[in-house]
N, C-alpha and C. Protein backbone atom coordinates (compact mmCIF):
# COMPACT_ATOMS: atom_id res chain seq x y z
N MET A 1 -17.84 -19.43 -27.26
CA MET A 1 -17.23 -18.46 -26.46
C MET A 1 -18.23 -17.74 -25.57
N ALA A 2 -17.82 -17.50 -24.26
CA ALA A 2 -18.71 -16.84 -23.38
C ALA A 2 -18.83 -15.25 -23.74
N VAL A 3 -20.25 -14.89 -23.60
CA VAL A 3 -20.35 -13.53 -23.89
C VAL A 3 -21.32 -12.94 -22.69
N PRO A 4 -20.82 -11.70 -22.12
CA PRO A 4 -21.61 -11.37 -20.95
C PRO A 4 -23.01 -10.76 -21.54
N ARG A 5 -23.96 -10.90 -20.64
CA ARG A 5 -25.29 -10.51 -20.93
C ARG A 5 -25.52 -9.07 -21.08
N SER A 6 -24.86 -8.27 -20.30
CA SER A 6 -24.79 -6.86 -20.46
C SER A 6 -23.51 -6.16 -19.80
N LYS A 7 -23.32 -5.07 -20.25
CA LYS A 7 -22.11 -4.23 -19.80
C LYS A 7 -22.15 -4.11 -18.35
N VAL A 8 -21.06 -4.39 -17.76
CA VAL A 8 -20.84 -4.03 -16.19
C VAL A 8 -20.55 -2.63 -16.06
N SER A 9 -21.38 -2.05 -15.06
CA SER A 9 -21.28 -0.51 -15.04
C SER A 9 -20.05 -0.28 -14.09
N ARG A 10 -19.56 1.14 -14.15
CA ARG A 10 -18.40 1.42 -13.58
C ARG A 10 -18.49 1.20 -12.06
N MET A 11 -19.78 1.53 -11.32
CA MET A 11 -20.01 1.29 -10.04
C MET A 11 -19.93 -0.20 -9.70
N LYS A 12 -20.39 -0.98 -10.37
CA LYS A 12 -20.41 -2.41 -10.08
C LYS A 12 -19.04 -3.03 -10.27
N ARG A 13 -18.30 -2.45 -11.23
CA ARG A 13 -16.82 -2.98 -11.31
C ARG A 13 -16.02 -2.48 -10.14
N GLY A 14 -16.17 -1.27 -9.66
CA GLY A 14 -15.85 -0.61 -8.52
C GLY A 14 -16.11 -1.35 -7.29
N PHE A 15 -17.14 -1.82 -7.13
CA PHE A 15 -17.56 -2.81 -5.88
C PHE A 15 -16.72 -4.07 -5.84
N ARG A 16 -16.62 -4.81 -7.11
CA ARG A 16 -15.95 -5.92 -7.24
C ARG A 16 -14.50 -5.62 -6.88
N ARG A 17 -13.86 -4.56 -7.35
CA ARG A 17 -12.50 -4.25 -7.15
C ARG A 17 -11.97 -3.57 -5.77
N SER A 18 -13.11 -3.27 -4.91
CA SER A 18 -12.79 -2.71 -3.67
C SER A 18 -12.09 -3.50 -2.80
N ALA A 19 -12.30 -4.72 -2.87
CA ALA A 19 -11.64 -5.78 -2.07
C ALA A 19 -10.11 -5.95 -2.28
N ASP A 20 -9.57 -5.31 -3.25
CA ASP A 20 -8.10 -5.25 -3.58
C ASP A 20 -7.28 -4.27 -2.72
N ALA A 21 -8.13 -3.25 -2.23
CA ALA A 21 -7.70 -2.22 -1.47
C ALA A 21 -7.67 -2.71 0.08
N LEU A 22 -8.06 -3.81 0.44
CA LEU A 22 -8.26 -4.23 1.96
C LEU A 22 -6.83 -4.19 2.55
N LYS A 23 -6.85 -3.66 3.75
CA LYS A 23 -5.57 -3.61 4.65
C LYS A 23 -5.36 -4.56 5.55
N ALA A 24 -4.18 -4.79 6.01
CA ALA A 24 -3.86 -5.86 6.97
C ALA A 24 -4.65 -5.29 8.40
N PRO A 25 -4.97 -6.36 9.13
CA PRO A 25 -5.72 -5.85 10.44
C PRO A 25 -4.74 -5.17 11.29
N THR A 26 -5.11 -4.26 12.15
CA THR A 26 -4.29 -3.51 13.01
C THR A 26 -4.42 -4.20 14.59
N TYR A 27 -3.38 -3.99 15.27
CA TYR A 27 -3.11 -4.47 16.54
C TYR A 27 -2.70 -3.50 17.50
N THR A 28 -3.19 -3.64 18.69
CA THR A 28 -2.77 -2.76 19.70
C THR A 28 -2.11 -3.49 20.87
N THR A 29 -1.30 -2.93 21.68
CA THR A 29 -0.59 -3.49 22.71
C THR A 29 -1.38 -3.26 24.00
N ASP A 30 -1.75 -4.29 24.56
CA ASP A 30 -2.52 -4.18 25.88
C ASP A 30 -1.80 -3.61 27.02
N LYS A 31 -2.63 -2.88 27.63
CA LYS A 31 -1.85 -1.98 28.76
C LYS A 31 -1.38 -2.81 29.83
N LYS A 32 -2.00 -3.80 30.29
CA LYS A 32 -1.81 -4.66 31.53
C LYS A 32 -0.86 -5.72 31.13
N SER A 33 -1.31 -6.57 30.10
CA SER A 33 -0.51 -7.78 29.92
C SER A 33 0.54 -7.49 28.87
N GLY A 34 0.65 -6.50 27.97
CA GLY A 34 1.53 -6.26 27.09
C GLY A 34 1.45 -7.17 25.83
N GLU A 35 0.31 -7.96 25.62
CA GLU A 35 0.20 -8.72 24.63
C GLU A 35 -0.52 -7.91 23.52
N LEU A 36 -0.19 -8.44 22.30
CA LEU A 36 -0.88 -7.61 21.02
C LEU A 36 -2.24 -8.22 20.97
N ARG A 37 -3.17 -7.39 20.69
CA ARG A 37 -4.72 -7.77 20.48
C ARG A 37 -5.31 -6.77 19.53
N ARG A 38 -6.48 -7.26 18.99
CA ARG A 38 -7.27 -6.42 18.18
C ARG A 38 -7.91 -5.48 18.90
N PRO A 39 -8.14 -4.06 18.35
CA PRO A 39 -8.80 -3.29 18.98
C PRO A 39 -10.43 -3.83 19.24
N HIS A 40 -10.97 -3.38 20.27
CA HIS A 40 -12.42 -3.72 20.61
C HIS A 40 -12.57 -5.24 20.67
N HIS A 41 -11.63 -6.12 20.92
CA HIS A 41 -11.77 -7.48 21.08
C HIS A 41 -11.26 -7.79 22.64
N ILE A 42 -11.56 -9.09 23.01
CA ILE A 42 -11.08 -9.44 24.29
C ILE A 42 -9.74 -9.84 24.31
N ASP A 43 -8.95 -9.54 25.34
CA ASP A 43 -7.63 -10.05 25.40
C ASP A 43 -7.61 -11.26 26.01
N MET A 44 -7.21 -12.36 25.05
CA MET A 44 -7.36 -13.78 25.29
C MET A 44 -6.49 -14.34 26.40
N LYS A 45 -5.26 -13.59 26.70
CA LYS A 45 -4.45 -14.10 27.77
C LYS A 45 -4.94 -13.81 29.07
N SER A 46 -5.51 -12.68 29.28
CA SER A 46 -6.07 -12.32 30.64
C SER A 46 -7.71 -12.57 30.70
N GLY A 47 -8.22 -12.71 29.58
CA GLY A 47 -9.71 -12.77 29.54
C GLY A 47 -10.47 -11.56 29.91
N THR A 48 -9.88 -10.38 29.81
CA THR A 48 -10.58 -8.91 30.03
C THR A 48 -10.98 -8.28 28.87
N TYR A 49 -12.10 -7.44 29.04
CA TYR A 49 -12.49 -6.63 27.95
C TYR A 49 -12.87 -5.19 28.66
N ARG A 50 -12.20 -4.11 28.23
CA ARG A 50 -12.50 -2.82 28.89
C ARG A 50 -12.37 -2.89 30.45
N GLY A 51 -11.44 -3.59 31.02
CA GLY A 51 -11.16 -3.63 32.38
C GLY A 51 -12.10 -4.50 33.18
N MET A 52 -12.93 -5.30 32.54
CA MET A 52 -13.74 -6.25 33.18
C MET A 52 -13.52 -7.71 32.80
N GLN A 53 -13.41 -8.60 33.75
CA GLN A 53 -13.12 -9.92 33.44
C GLN A 53 -14.35 -10.60 32.80
N VAL A 54 -14.29 -10.92 31.63
CA VAL A 54 -15.35 -11.71 31.00
C VAL A 54 -15.19 -13.16 30.61
N LEU A 55 -13.93 -13.54 30.64
CA LEU A 55 -13.57 -15.13 30.36
C LEU A 55 -12.53 -15.36 31.47
N GLU A 56 -12.48 -16.72 31.60
CA GLU A 56 -11.47 -17.30 32.57
C GLU A 56 -10.00 -17.14 31.80
N PRO A 57 -9.09 -16.73 32.69
CA PRO A 57 -7.72 -16.57 31.95
C PRO A 57 -7.14 -17.76 31.45
N LYS A 58 -6.50 -17.76 30.25
CA LYS A 58 -6.10 -18.78 29.54
C LYS A 58 -4.84 -19.35 30.29
N ALA A 59 -4.84 -20.61 30.59
CA ALA A 59 -3.77 -21.33 31.14
C ALA A 59 -2.59 -21.68 30.28
N ASP A 60 -1.30 -21.57 30.81
CA ASP A 60 -0.21 -21.82 29.75
C ASP A 60 0.19 -23.19 30.01
């Protein structure tokens, strides 16, 4: 039978269980394209970030 080497402290147990409280990612509606995107991420449809063109727009 497996026996732990030492007792797991409340802090270490809490670190392990903290992943249970993770939330679903949030999305915002882009002002120009109206598409959903993650905050602080590039809008993949238009290729813009904070009003600047950083990528080529995605062709449909």
